[in-house]
Every structure is written in structure tokens, then in C-alpha cells.
Amino acid sequence: MATKKPQIFKVGDRVAERPKATAIPNLTPETQKRIEEYRKQRYGVVVDIFTKKSTARSKKVSETKYLRILWDGHQTPSEHAQMRICHERELDVILEGYCAVLGG
């Protein structure tokens, strides 16, 4: 089985959010309407790359890569873990695999 190589991002890359599970059972229509705006696919540009350190209960320190992304239509960038982001050009392939796993 081939190992998946980590994605490499650079400042200036066009990116998209990876798909998220969107089926949340037992929501009222009002709640569904309120969260609908957060379910849209976002696209943007990487403006910074940095690492965050975290310490587990075992005192082990780990570093995780984060991206600062300026999403289209927004004025300020936001921070996202690298694993939640993909290159914009790869989104269609990722969506196909995601839908196949869900049976769609």
C-alpha cells in the first residue's frame, strides 16, 4: 500500500477547504437555516505558513503546520490546520473520493 505524501503549500497557492460531513440529524429548520452559510465551499489564497506547538498529557511536544488563508470575499485571513485544506485544482478528485465513501 502506498503511503500518502503530505501536501506542500506555498504562499500564494490557491486552496479550498476539504469536504466536511454535512448531515446533522434532528436539527430544527431555524437551526439549519442559521448554519447554512457555513456550509458553502470556500476558496482562497495562502498568505502565511507557520507551525503551532502542542503538548499532550504525556508531555510530548508536537508541531502541526497551519496555514493563514485569505478566503475569497473576506478582508482578514484565518488560520486552518494544513490537513483541512487542499489545492484548488485537486478538489474535484477529493470530492469524488469523498462521495464514493459516503455511497453517493
PDB file of N, CA and C in Angstrom:
ATOM      1  N   MET A   1       0.845  -1.174   0.000  1.00  0.00           N
ATOM      2  CA  MET A   1       0.000   0.000   0.000  1.00  0.00           C
ATOM      3  C   MET A   1       0.892   1.239   0.000  1.00  0.00           C
ATOM      4  N   ALA A   2       0.629   2.147  -0.885  1.00  0.00           N
ATOM      5  CA  ALA A   2       1.432   3.363  -0.999  1.00  0.00           C
ATOM      6  C   ALA A   2       1.095   4.323   0.130  1.00  0.00           C
ATOM      7  N   THR A   3       2.110   4.993   0.647  1.00  0.00           N
ATOM      8  CA  THR A   3       1.858   5.989   1.672  1.00  0.00           C
ATOM      9  C   THR A   3       1.517   7.306   1.014  1.00  0.00           C
ATOM     10  N   LYS A   4       0.635   8.037   1.659  1.00  0.00           N
ATOM     11  CA  LYS A   4       0.211   9.315   1.118  1.00  0.00           C
ATOM     12  C   LYS A   4       1.211  10.380   1.524  1.00  0.00           C
ATOM     13  N   LYS A   5       1.770  11.084   0.554  1.00  0.00           N
ATOM     14  CA  LYS A   5       2.747  12.116   0.873  1.00  0.00           C
ATOM     15  C   LYS A   5       2.005  13.374   1.327  1.00  0.00           C
ATOM     16  N   PRO A   6       2.606  14.123   2.247  1.00  0.00           N
ATOM     17  CA  PRO A   6       1.947  15.328   2.742  1.00  0.00           C
ATOM     18  C   PRO A   6       1.845  16.396   1.662  1.00  0.00           C
ATOM     19  N   GLN A   7       0.802  17.184   1.747  1.00  0.00           N
ATOM     20  CA  GLN A   7       0.630  18.267   0.785  1.00  0.00           C
ATOM     21  C   GLN A   7       1.641  19.362   1.092  1.00  0.00           C
ATOM     22  N   ILE A   8       2.165  19.937   0.063  1.00  0.00           N
ATOM     23  CA  ILE A   8       3.112  21.037   0.202  1.00  0.00           C
ATOM     24  C   ILE A   8       2.412  22.304  -0.274  1.00  0.00           C
ATOM     25  N   PHE A   9       2.314  23.272   0.614  1.00  0.00           N
ATOM     26  CA  PHE A   9       1.697  24.546   0.266  1.00  0.00           C
ATOM     27  C   PHE A   9       2.752  25.638   0.288  1.00  0.00           C
ATOM     28  N   LYS A  10       2.554  26.636  -0.558  1.00  0.00           N
ATOM     29  CA  LYS A  10       3.423  27.796  -0.603  1.00  0.00           C
ATOM     30  C   LYS A  10       2.558  29.045  -0.520  1.00  0.00           C
ATOM     31  N   VAL A  11       3.137  30.118  -0.047  1.00  0.00           N
ATOM     32  CA  VAL A  11       2.428  31.397  -0.028  1.00  0.00           C
ATOM     33  C   VAL A  11       2.036  31.733  -1.462  1.00  0.00           C
ATOM     34  N   GLY A  12       0.787  32.114  -1.652  1.00  0.00           N
ATOM     35  CA  GLY A  12       0.285  32.455  -2.980  1.00  0.00           C
ATOM     36  C   GLY A  12      -0.514  31.338  -3.636  1.00  0.00           C
ATOM     37  N   ASP A  13      -0.477  30.111  -3.079  1.00  0.00           N
ATOM     38  CA  ASP A  13      -1.242  28.986  -3.644  1.00  0.00           C
ATOM     39  C   ASP A  13      -2.741  29.211  -3.505  1.00  0.00           C
ATOM     40  N   ARG A  14      -3.485  28.835  -4.554  1.00  0.00           N
ATOM     41  CA  ARG A  14      -4.956  28.830  -4.474  1.00  0.00           C
ATOM     42  C   ARG A  14      -5.369  27.534  -3.789  1.00  0.00           C
ATOM     43  N   VAL A  15      -6.229  27.647  -2.775  1.00  0.00           N
ATOM     44  CA  VAL A  15      -6.628  26.484  -1.992  1.00  0.00           C
ATOM     45  C   VAL A  15      -8.136  26.452  -1.789  1.00  0.00           C
ATOM     46  N   ALA A  16      -8.605  25.298  -1.321  1.00  0.00           N
ATOM     47  CA  ALA A  16     -10.017  25.105  -0.993  1.00  0.00           C
ATOM     48  C   ALA A  16     -10.092  24.289   0.292  1.00  0.00           C
ATOM     49  N   GLU A  17     -11.215  24.412   0.989  1.00  0.00           N
ATOM     50  CA  GLU A  17     -11.435  23.577   2.165  1.00  0.00           C
ATOM     51  C   GLU A  17     -11.764  22.170   1.713  1.00  0.00           C
ATOM     52  N   ARG A  18     -11.269  21.187   2.433  1.00  0.00           N
ATOM     53  CA  ARG A  18     -11.649  19.809   2.152  1.00  0.00           C
ATOM     54  C   ARG A  18     -13.112  19.628   2.560  1.00  0.00           C
ATOM     55  N   PRO A  19     -13.808  18.663   1.950  1.00  0.00           N
ATOM     56  CA  PRO A  19     -15.213  18.441   2.296  1.00  0.00           C
ATOM     57  C   PRO A  19     -15.373  18.049   3.760  1.00  0.00           C
ATOM     58  N   LYS A  20     -16.501  18.449   4.339  1.00  0.00           N
ATOM     59  CA  LYS A  20     -16.835  18.100   5.715  1.00  0.00           C
ATOM     60  C   LYS A  20     -18.169  17.357   5.702  1.00  0.00           C
ATOM     61  N   ALA A  21     -18.371  16.553   6.703  1.00  0.00           N
ATOM     62  CA  ALA A  21     -19.671  15.890   6.843  1.00  0.00           C
ATOM     63  C   ALA A  21     -20.727  16.972   7.049  1.00  0.00           C
ATOM     64  N   THR A  22     -21.820  16.879   6.323  1.00  0.00           N
ATOM     65  CA  THR A  22     -22.852  17.912   6.427  1.00  0.00           C
ATOM     66  C   THR A  22     -24.181  17.373   6.932  1.00  0.00           C
ATOM     67  N   ALA A  23     -24.263  16.089   7.188  1.00  0.00           N
ATOM     68  CA  ALA A  23     -25.514  15.517   7.676  1.00  0.00           C
ATOM     69  C   ALA A  23     -25.539  15.583   9.197  1.00  0.00           C
ATOM     70  N   ILE A  24     -26.371  16.479   9.728  1.00  0.00           N
ATOM     71  CA  ILE A  24     -26.547  16.602  11.172  1.00  0.00           C
ATOM     72  C   ILE A  24     -28.017  16.319  11.457  1.00  0.00           C
ATOM     73  N   PRO A  25     -28.305  15.183  12.077  1.00  0.00           N
ATOM     74  CA  PRO A  25     -29.708  14.809  12.289  1.00  0.00           C
ATOM     75  C   PRO A  25     -30.393  15.656  13.359  1.00  0.00           C
ATOM     76  N   ASN A  26     -31.705  15.706  13.272  1.00  0.00           N
ATOM     77  CA  ASN A  26     -32.576  16.299  14.293  1.00  0.00           C
ATOM     78  C   ASN A  26     -32.380  17.794  14.518  1.00  0.00           C
ATOM     79  N   LEU A  27     -32.073  18.529  13.478  1.00  0.00           N
ATOM     80  CA  LEU A  27     -31.975  19.980  13.608  1.00  0.00           C
ATOM     81  C   LEU A  27     -33.313  20.614  13.265  1.00  0.00           C
ATOM     82  N   THR A  28     -33.635  21.664  13.981  1.00  0.00           N
ATOM     83  CA  THR A  28     -34.853  22.396  13.659  1.00  0.00           C
ATOM     84  C   THR A  28     -34.615  23.182  12.373  1.00  0.00           C
ATOM     85  N   PRO A  29     -35.654  23.526  11.652  1.00  0.00           N
ATOM     86  CA  PRO A  29     -35.488  24.314  10.427  1.00  0.00           C
ATOM     87  C   PRO A  29     -34.769  25.646  10.688  1.00  0.00           C
ATOM     88  N   GLU A  30     -35.017  26.269  11.840  1.00  0.00           N
ATOM     89  CA  GLU A  30     -34.358  27.534  12.168  1.00  0.00           C
ATOM     90  C   GLU A  30     -32.848  27.342  12.306  1.00  0.00           C
ATOM     91  N   THR A  31     -32.443  26.270  12.971  1.00  0.00           N
ATOM     92  CA  THR A  31     -31.023  25.993  13.159  1.00  0.00           C
ATOM     93  C   THR A  31     -30.369  25.668  11.824  1.00  0.00           C
ATOM     94  N   GLN A  32     -31.040  24.874  10.997  1.00  0.00           N
ATOM     95  CA  GLN A  32     -30.495  24.551   9.677  1.00  0.00           C
ATOM     96  C   GLN A  32     -30.257  25.817   8.863  1.00  0.00           C
ATOM     97  N   LYS A  33     -31.191  26.751   8.937  1.00  0.00           N
ATOM     98  CA  LYS A  33     -31.059  27.994   8.191  1.00  0.00           C
ATOM     99  C   LYS A  33     -29.873  28.815   8.698  1.00  0.00           C
ATOM    100  N   ARG A  34     -29.683  28.842  10.035  1.00  0.00           N
ATOM    101  CA  ARG A  34     -28.590  29.609  10.626  1.00  0.00           C
ATOM    102  C   ARG A  34     -27.219  29.078  10.231  1.00  0.00           C
ATOM    103  N   ILE A  35     -27.074  27.758  10.144  1.00  0.00           N
ATOM    104  CA  ILE A  35     -25.754  27.189   9.835  1.00  0.00           C
ATOM    105  C   ILE A  35     -25.513  27.017   8.336  1.00  0.00           C
ATOM    106  N   GLU A  36     -26.513  27.264   7.520  1.00  0.00           N
ATOM    107  CA  GLU A  36     -26.381  27.072   6.072  1.00  0.00           C
ATOM    108  C   GLU A  36     -25.227  27.888   5.481  1.00  0.00           C
ATOM    109  N   GLU A  37     -25.022  29.116   5.983  1.00  0.00           N
ATOM    110  CA  GLU A  37     -23.969  29.956   5.423  1.00  0.00           C
ATOM    111  C   GLU A  37     -22.577  29.386   5.676  1.00  0.00           C
ATOM    112  N   TYR A  38     -22.428  28.548   6.678  1.00  0.00           N
ATOM    113  CA  TYR A  38     -21.123  27.961   6.983  1.00  0.00           C
ATOM    114  C   TYR A  38     -20.851  26.679   6.193  1.00  0.00           C
ATOM    115  N   ARG A  39     -21.783  26.247   5.383  1.00  0.00           N
ATOM    116  CA  ARG A  39     -21.627  25.016   4.613  1.00  0.00           C
ATOM    117  C   ARG A  39     -21.177  25.252   3.181  1.00  0.00           C
ATOM    118  N   LYS A  40     -20.979  26.485   2.816  1.00  0.00           N
ATOM    119  CA  LYS A  40     -20.562  26.793   1.446  1.00  0.00           C
ATOM    120  C   LYS A  40     -19.096  26.451   1.267  1.00  0.00           C
ATOM    121  N   GLN A  41     -18.752  26.008   0.075  1.00  0.00           N
ATOM    122  CA  GLN A  41     -17.362  25.705  -0.249  1.00  0.00           C
ATOM    123  C   GLN A  41     -16.572  27.001  -0.308  1.00  0.00           C
ATOM    124  N   ARG A  42     -15.431  27.032   0.380  1.00  0.00           N
ATOM    125  CA  ARG A  42     -14.613  28.237   0.385  1.00  0.00           C
ATOM    126  C   ARG A  42     -13.336  28.021  -0.425  1.00  0.00           C
ATOM    127  N   TYR A  43     -12.941  29.091  -1.110  1.00  0.00           N
ATOM    128  CA  TYR A  43     -11.706  29.120  -1.889  1.00  0.00           C
ATOM    129  C   TYR A  43     -10.922  30.349  -1.448  1.00  0.00           C
ATOM    130  N   GLY A  44      -9.593  30.232  -1.483  1.00  0.00           N
ATOM    131  CA  GLY A  44      -8.800  31.376  -1.077  1.00  0.00           C
ATOM    132  C   GLY A  44      -7.343  31.232  -1.461  1.00  0.00           C
ATOM    133  N   VAL A  45      -6.517  32.085  -0.864  1.00  0.00           N
ATOM    134  CA  VAL A  45      -5.084  32.150  -1.152  1.00  0.00           C
ATOM    135  C   VAL A  45      -4.311  32.030   0.157  1.00  0.00           C
ATOM    136  N   VAL A  46      -3.247  31.220   0.146  1.00  0.00           N
ATOM    137  CA  VAL A  46      -2.378  31.086   1.316  1.00  0.00           C
ATOM    138  C   VAL A  46      -1.560  32.369   1.444  1.00  0.00           C
ATOM    139  N   VAL A  47      -1.616  33.003   2.627  1.00  0.00           N
ATOM    140  CA  VAL A  47      -0.846  34.221   2.848  1.00  0.00           C
ATOM    141  C   VAL A  47       0.282  34.018   3.857  1.00  0.00           C
ATOM    142  N   ASP A  48       0.258  32.893   4.598  1.00  0.00           N
ATOM    143  CA  ASP A  48       1.315  32.621   5.573  1.00  0.00           C
ATOM    144  C   ASP A  48       1.284  31.140   5.933  1.00  0.00           C
ATOM    145  N   ILE A  49       2.451  30.603   6.282  1.00  0.00           N
ATOM    146  CA  ILE A  49       2.583  29.215   6.723  1.00  0.00           C
ATOM    147  C   ILE A  49       3.365  29.243   8.032  1.00  0.00           C
ATOM    148  N   PHE A  50       2.857  28.555   9.059  1.00  0.00           N
ATOM    149  CA  PHE A  50       3.536  28.556  10.350  1.00  0.00           C
ATOM    150  C   PHE A  50       3.230  27.252  11.084  1.00  0.00           C
ATOM    151  N   THR A  51       3.932  27.015  12.186  1.00  0.00           N
ATOM    152  CA  THR A  51       3.686  25.815  12.989  1.00  0.00           C
ATOM    153  C   THR A  51       3.227  26.222  14.372  1.00  0.00           C
ATOM    154  N   LYS A  52       2.403  25.369  14.962  1.00  0.00           N
ATOM    155  CA  LYS A  52       1.955  25.539  16.339  1.00  0.00           C
ATOM    156  C   LYS A  52       2.437  24.335  17.121  1.00  0.00           C
ATOM    157  N   LYS A  53       2.909  24.594  18.327  1.00  0.00           N
ATOM    158  CA  LYS A  53       3.338  23.506  19.209  1.00  0.00           C
ATOM    159  C   LYS A  53       2.218  23.198  20.182  1.00  0.00           C
ATOM    160  N   SER A  54       2.038  21.911  20.446  1.00  0.00           N
ATOM    161  CA  SER A  54       1.061  21.490  21.451  1.00  0.00           C
ATOM    162  C   SER A  54       1.691  20.400  22.302  1.00  0.00           C
ATOM    163  N   THR A  55       1.256  20.324  23.556  1.00  0.00           N
ATOM    164  CA  THR A  55       1.800  19.348  24.483  1.00  0.00           C
ATOM    165  C   THR A  55       0.693  18.392  24.894  1.00  0.00           C
ATOM    166  N   ALA A  56       0.953  17.106  24.727  1.00  0.00           N
ATOM    167  CA  ALA A  56      -0.010  16.078  25.120  1.00  0.00           C
ATOM    168  C   ALA A  56       0.124  15.796  26.616  1.00  0.00           C
ATOM    169  N   ARG A  57      -0.781  15.009  27.142  1.00  0.00           N
ATOM    170  CA  ARG A  57      -0.722  14.637  28.560  1.00  0.00           C
ATOM    171  C   ARG A  57       0.586  13.951  28.915  1.00  0.00           C
ATOM    172  N   SER A  58       1.155  13.264  27.966  1.00  0.00           N
ATOM    173  CA  SER A  58       2.413  12.551  28.203  1.00  0.00           C
ATOM    174  C   SER A  58       3.620  13.500  28.151  1.00  0.00           C
ATOM    175  N   LYS A  59       3.343  14.788  28.047  1.00  0.00           N
ATOM    176  CA  LYS A  59       4.388  15.824  27.976  1.00  0.00           C
ATOM    177  C   LYS A  59       5.132  15.832  26.641  1.00  0.00           C
ATOM    178  N   LYS A  60       4.659  15.039  25.702  1.00  0.00           N
ATOM    179  CA  LYS A  60       5.274  15.015  24.383  1.00  0.00           C
ATOM    180  C   LYS A  60       4.837  16.265  23.611  1.00  0.00           C
ATOM    181  N   VAL A  61       5.799  16.972  23.068  1.00  0.00           N
ATOM    182  CA  VAL A  61       5.519  18.180  22.299  1.00  0.00           C
ATOM    183  C   VAL A  61       5.469  17.816  20.818  1.00  0.00           C
ATOM    184  N   SER A  62       4.407  18.276  20.155  1.00  0.00           N
ATOM    185  CA  SER A  62       4.309  18.035  18.711  1.00  0.00           C
ATOM    186  C   SER A  62       4.080  19.360  17.997  1.00  0.00           C
ATOM    187  N   GLU A  63       4.492  19.382  16.754  1.00  0.00           N
ATOM    188  CA  GLU A  63       4.300  20.571  15.932  1.00  0.00           C
ATOM    189  C   GLU A  63       3.355  20.238  14.783  1.00  0.00           C
ATOM    190  N   THR A  64       2.419  21.133  14.538  1.00  0.00           N
ATOM    191  CA  THR A  64       1.460  20.962  13.459  1.00  0.00           C
ATOM    192  C   THR A  64       1.535  22.171  12.548  1.00  0.00           C
ATOM    193  N   LYS A  65       1.560  21.916  11.240  1.00  0.00           N
ATOM    194  CA  LYS A  65       1.591  23.019  10.276  1.00  0.00           C
ATOM    195  C   LYS A  65       0.199  23.633  10.133  1.00  0.00           C
ATOM    196  N   TYR A  66       0.180  24.943  10.107  1.00  0.00           N
ATOM    197  CA  TYR A  66      -1.047  25.693   9.902  1.00  0.00           C
ATOM    198  C   TYR A  66      -0.843  26.652   8.745  1.00  0.00           C
ATOM    199  N   LEU A  67      -1.946  27.013   8.133  1.00  0.00           N
ATOM    200  CA  LEU A  67      -1.932  27.971   7.037  1.00  0.00           C
ATOM    201  C   LEU A  67      -2.793  29.161   7.427  1.00  0.00           C
ATOM    202  N   ARG A  68      -2.362  30.329   7.053  1.00  0.00           N
ATOM    203  CA  ARG A  68      -3.194  31.512   7.203  1.00  0.00           C
ATOM    204  C   ARG A  68      -3.725  31.778   5.800  1.00  0.00           C
ATOM    205  N   ILE A  69      -5.058  31.757   5.675  1.00  0.00           N
ATOM    206  CA  ILE A  69      -5.694  31.828   4.355  1.00  0.00           C
ATOM    207  C   ILE A  69      -6.615  33.034   4.285  1.00  0.00           C
ATOM    208  N   LEU A  70      -6.506  33.754   3.194  1.00  0.00           N
ATOM    209  CA  LEU A  70      -7.433  34.844   2.909  1.00  0.00           C
ATOM    210  C   LEU A  70      -8.488  34.282   1.963  1.00  0.00           C
ATOM    211  N   TRP A  71      -9.676  34.022   2.502  1.00  0.00           N
ATOM    212  CA  TRP A  71     -10.757  33.447   1.699  1.00  0.00           C
ATOM    213  C   TRP A  71     -11.329  34.505   0.771  1.00  0.00           C
ATOM    214  N   ASP A  72     -11.757  34.085  -0.404  1.00  0.00           N
ATOM    215  CA  ASP A  72     -12.377  34.988  -1.373  1.00  0.00           C
ATOM    216  C   ASP A  72     -13.578  35.672  -0.718  1.00  0.00           C
ATOM    217  N   GLY A  73     -13.671  36.974  -0.883  1.00  0.00           N
ATOM    218  CA  GLY A  73     -14.790  37.724  -0.330  1.00  0.00           C
ATOM    219  C   GLY A  73     -14.593  38.158   1.116  1.00  0.00           C
ATOM    220  N   HIS A  74     -13.463  37.819   1.733  1.00  0.00           N
ATOM    221  CA  HIS A  74     -13.189  38.220   3.111  1.00  0.00           C
ATOM    222  C   HIS A  74     -12.017  39.194   3.129  1.00  0.00           C
ATOM    223  N   GLN A  75     -11.946  40.004   4.181  1.00  0.00           N
ATOM    224  CA  GLN A  75     -10.893  41.009   4.257  1.00  0.00           C
ATOM    225  C   GLN A  75      -9.746  40.614   5.178  1.00  0.00           C
ATOM    226  N   THR A  76      -9.986  39.664   6.082  1.00  0.00           N
ATOM    227  CA  THR A  76      -8.930  39.247   7.004  1.00  0.00           C
ATOM    228  C   THR A  76      -8.707  37.741   6.878  1.00  0.00           C
ATOM    229  N   PRO A  77      -7.458  37.314   6.980  1.00  0.00           N
ATOM    230  CA  PRO A  77      -7.166  35.880   6.877  1.00  0.00           C
ATOM    231  C   PRO A  77      -7.559  35.136   8.145  1.00  0.00           C
ATOM    232  N   SER A  78      -7.711  33.818   8.019  1.00  0.00           N
ATOM    233  CA  SER A  78      -7.994  32.968   9.171  1.00  0.00           C
ATOM    234  C   SER A  78      -7.049  31.775   9.156  1.00  0.00           C
ATOM    235  N   GLU A  79      -6.836  31.182  10.338  1.00  0.00           N
ATOM    236  CA  GLU A  79      -5.895  30.077  10.494  1.00  0.00           C
ATOM    237  C   GLU A  79      -6.600  28.740  10.346  1.00  0.00           C
ATOM    238  N   HIS A  80      -5.940  27.807   9.637  1.00  0.00           N
ATOM    239  CA  HIS A  80      -6.502  26.480   9.419  1.00  0.00           C
ATOM    240  C   HIS A  80      -5.395  25.443   9.436  1.00  0.00           C
ATOM    241  N   ALA A  81      -5.680  24.292  10.029  1.00  0.00           N
ATOM    242  CA  ALA A  81      -4.722  23.193  10.000  1.00  0.00           C
ATOM    243  C   ALA A  81      -4.527  22.773   8.550  1.00  0.00           C
ATOM    244  N   GLN A  82      -3.288  22.483   8.198  1.00  0.00           N
ATOM    245  CA  GLN A  82      -2.956  22.130   6.819  1.00  0.00           C
ATOM    246  C   GLN A  82      -3.755  20.934   6.332  1.00  0.00           C
ATOM    247  N   MET A  83      -4.067  19.982   7.235  1.00  0.00           N
ATOM    248  CA  MET A  83      -4.766  18.773   6.812  1.00  0.00           C
ATOM    249  C   MET A  83      -6.218  19.026   6.397  1.00  0.00           C
ATOM    250  N   ARG A  84      -6.781  20.199   6.723  1.00  0.00           N
ATOM    251  CA  ARG A  84      -8.158  20.506   6.348  1.00  0.00           C
ATOM    252  C   ARG A  84      -8.246  21.242   5.012  1.00  0.00           C
ATOM    253  N   ILE A  85      -7.090  21.441   4.362  1.00  0.00           N
ATOM    254  CA  ILE A  85      -7.029  22.252   3.147  1.00  0.00           C
ATOM    255  C   ILE A  85      -6.447  21.416   2.005  1.00  0.00           C
ATOM    256  N   CYS A  86      -6.875  21.715   0.797  1.00  0.00           N
ATOM    257  CA  CYS A  86      -6.289  21.075  -0.381  1.00  0.00           C
ATOM    258  C   CYS A  86      -6.067  22.147  -1.447  1.00  0.00           C
ATOM    259  N   HIS A  87      -5.255  21.815  -2.431  1.00  0.00           N
ATOM    260  CA  HIS A  87      -5.082  22.729  -3.553  1.00  0.00           C
ATOM    261  C   HIS A  87      -6.398  22.791  -4.330  1.00  0.00           C
ATOM    262  N   GLU A  88      -6.727  23.952  -4.820  1.00  0.00           N
ATOM    263  CA  GLU A  88      -7.990  24.151  -5.540  1.00  0.00           C
ATOM    264  C   GLU A  88      -8.114  23.189  -6.720  1.00  0.00           C
ATOM    265  N   ARG A  89      -7.022  22.944  -7.423  1.00  0.00           N
ATOM    266  CA  ARG A  89      -7.056  22.082  -8.609  1.00  0.00           C
ATOM    267  C   ARG A  89      -7.329  20.615  -8.258  1.00  0.00           C
ATOM    268  N   GLU A  90      -7.124  20.224  -7.006  1.00  0.00           N
ATOM    269  CA  GLU A  90      -7.323  18.830  -6.582  1.00  0.00           C
ATOM    270  C   GLU A  90      -8.694  18.577  -5.967  1.00  0.00           C
ATOM    271  N   LEU A  91      -9.491  19.610  -5.789  1.00  0.00           N
ATOM    272  CA  LEU A  91     -10.765  19.476  -5.081  1.00  0.00           C
ATOM    273  C   LEU A  91     -11.719  18.498  -5.761  1.00  0.00           C
ATOM    274  N   ASP A  92     -11.821  18.520  -7.088  1.00  0.00           N
ATOM    275  CA  ASP A  92     -12.754  17.624  -7.788  1.00  0.00           C
ATOM    276  C   ASP A  92     -12.446  16.157  -7.508  1.00  0.00           C
ATOM    277  N   VAL A  93     -11.180  15.784  -7.533  1.00  0.00           N
ATOM    278  CA  VAL A  93     -10.787  14.394  -7.268  1.00  0.00           C
ATOM    279  C   VAL A  93     -11.099  14.026  -5.814  1.00  0.00           C
ATOM    280  N   ILE A  94     -10.824  14.945  -4.897  1.00  0.00           N
ATOM    281  CA  ILE A  94     -11.095  14.690  -3.479  1.00  0.00           C
ATOM    282  C   ILE A  94     -12.598  14.536  -3.240  1.00  0.00           C
ATOM    283  N   LEU A  95     -13.396  15.382  -3.884  1.00  0.00           N
ATOM    284  CA  LEU A  95     -14.858  15.275  -3.749  1.00  0.00           C
ATOM    285  C   LEU A  95     -15.383  13.948  -4.275  1.00  0.00           C
ATOM    286  N   GLU A  96     -14.837  13.471  -5.388  1.00  0.00           N
ATOM    287  CA  GLU A  96     -15.262  12.186  -5.932  1.00  0.00           C
ATOM    288  C   GLU A  96     -15.003  11.064  -4.934  1.00  0.00           C
ATOM    289  N   GLY A  97     -13.807  11.058  -4.347  1.00  0.00           N
ATOM    290  CA  GLY A  97     -13.467  10.046  -3.358  1.00  0.00           C
ATOM    291  C   GLY A  97     -14.334  10.154  -2.107  1.00  0.00           C
ATOM    292  N   TYR A  98     -14.614  11.369  -1.687  1.00  0.00           N
ATOM    293  CA  TYR A  98     -15.440  11.608  -0.502  1.00  0.00           C
ATOM    294  C   TYR A  98     -16.857  11.093  -0.739  1.00  0.00           C
ATOM    295  N   CYS A  99     -17.426  11.411  -1.897  1.00  0.00           N
ATOM    296  CA  CYS A  99     -18.781  10.963  -2.221  1.00  0.00           C
ATOM    297  C   CYS A  99     -18.834   9.449  -2.374  1.00  0.00           C
ATOM    298  N   ALA A 100     -17.785   8.845  -2.922  1.00  0.00           N
ATOM    299  CA  ALA A 100     -17.749   7.389  -3.080  1.00  0.00           C
ATOM    300  C   ALA A 100     -17.773   6.696  -1.724  1.00  0.00           C
ATOM    301  N   VAL A 101     -17.056   7.247  -0.759  1.00  0.00           N
ATOM    302  CA  VAL A 101     -17.035   6.670   0.584  1.00  0.00           C
ATOM    303  C   VAL A 101     -18.408   6.770   1.216  1.00  0.00           C
ATOM    304  N   LEU A 102     -19.122   7.876   0.956  1.00  0.00           N
ATOM    305  CA  LEU A 102     -20.453   8.062   1.523  1.00  0.00           C
ATOM    306  C   LEU A 102     -21.524   7.272   0.766  1.00  0.00           C
ATOM    307  N   GLY A 103     -21.156   6.742  -0.370  1.00  0.00           N
ATOM    308  CA  GLY A 103     -22.118   5.961  -1.159  1.00  0.00           C
ATOM    309  C   GLY A 103     -22.927   6.810  -2.100  1.00  0.00           C
ATOM    310  N   GLY A 104     -22.411   7.994  -2.451  1.00  0.00           N
ATOM    311  CA  GLY A 104     -23.175   8.910  -3.305  1.00  0.00           C
ATOM    312  C   GLY A 104     -22.666   8.988  -4.699  1.00  0.00           C
TER     313      GLY A 104
END
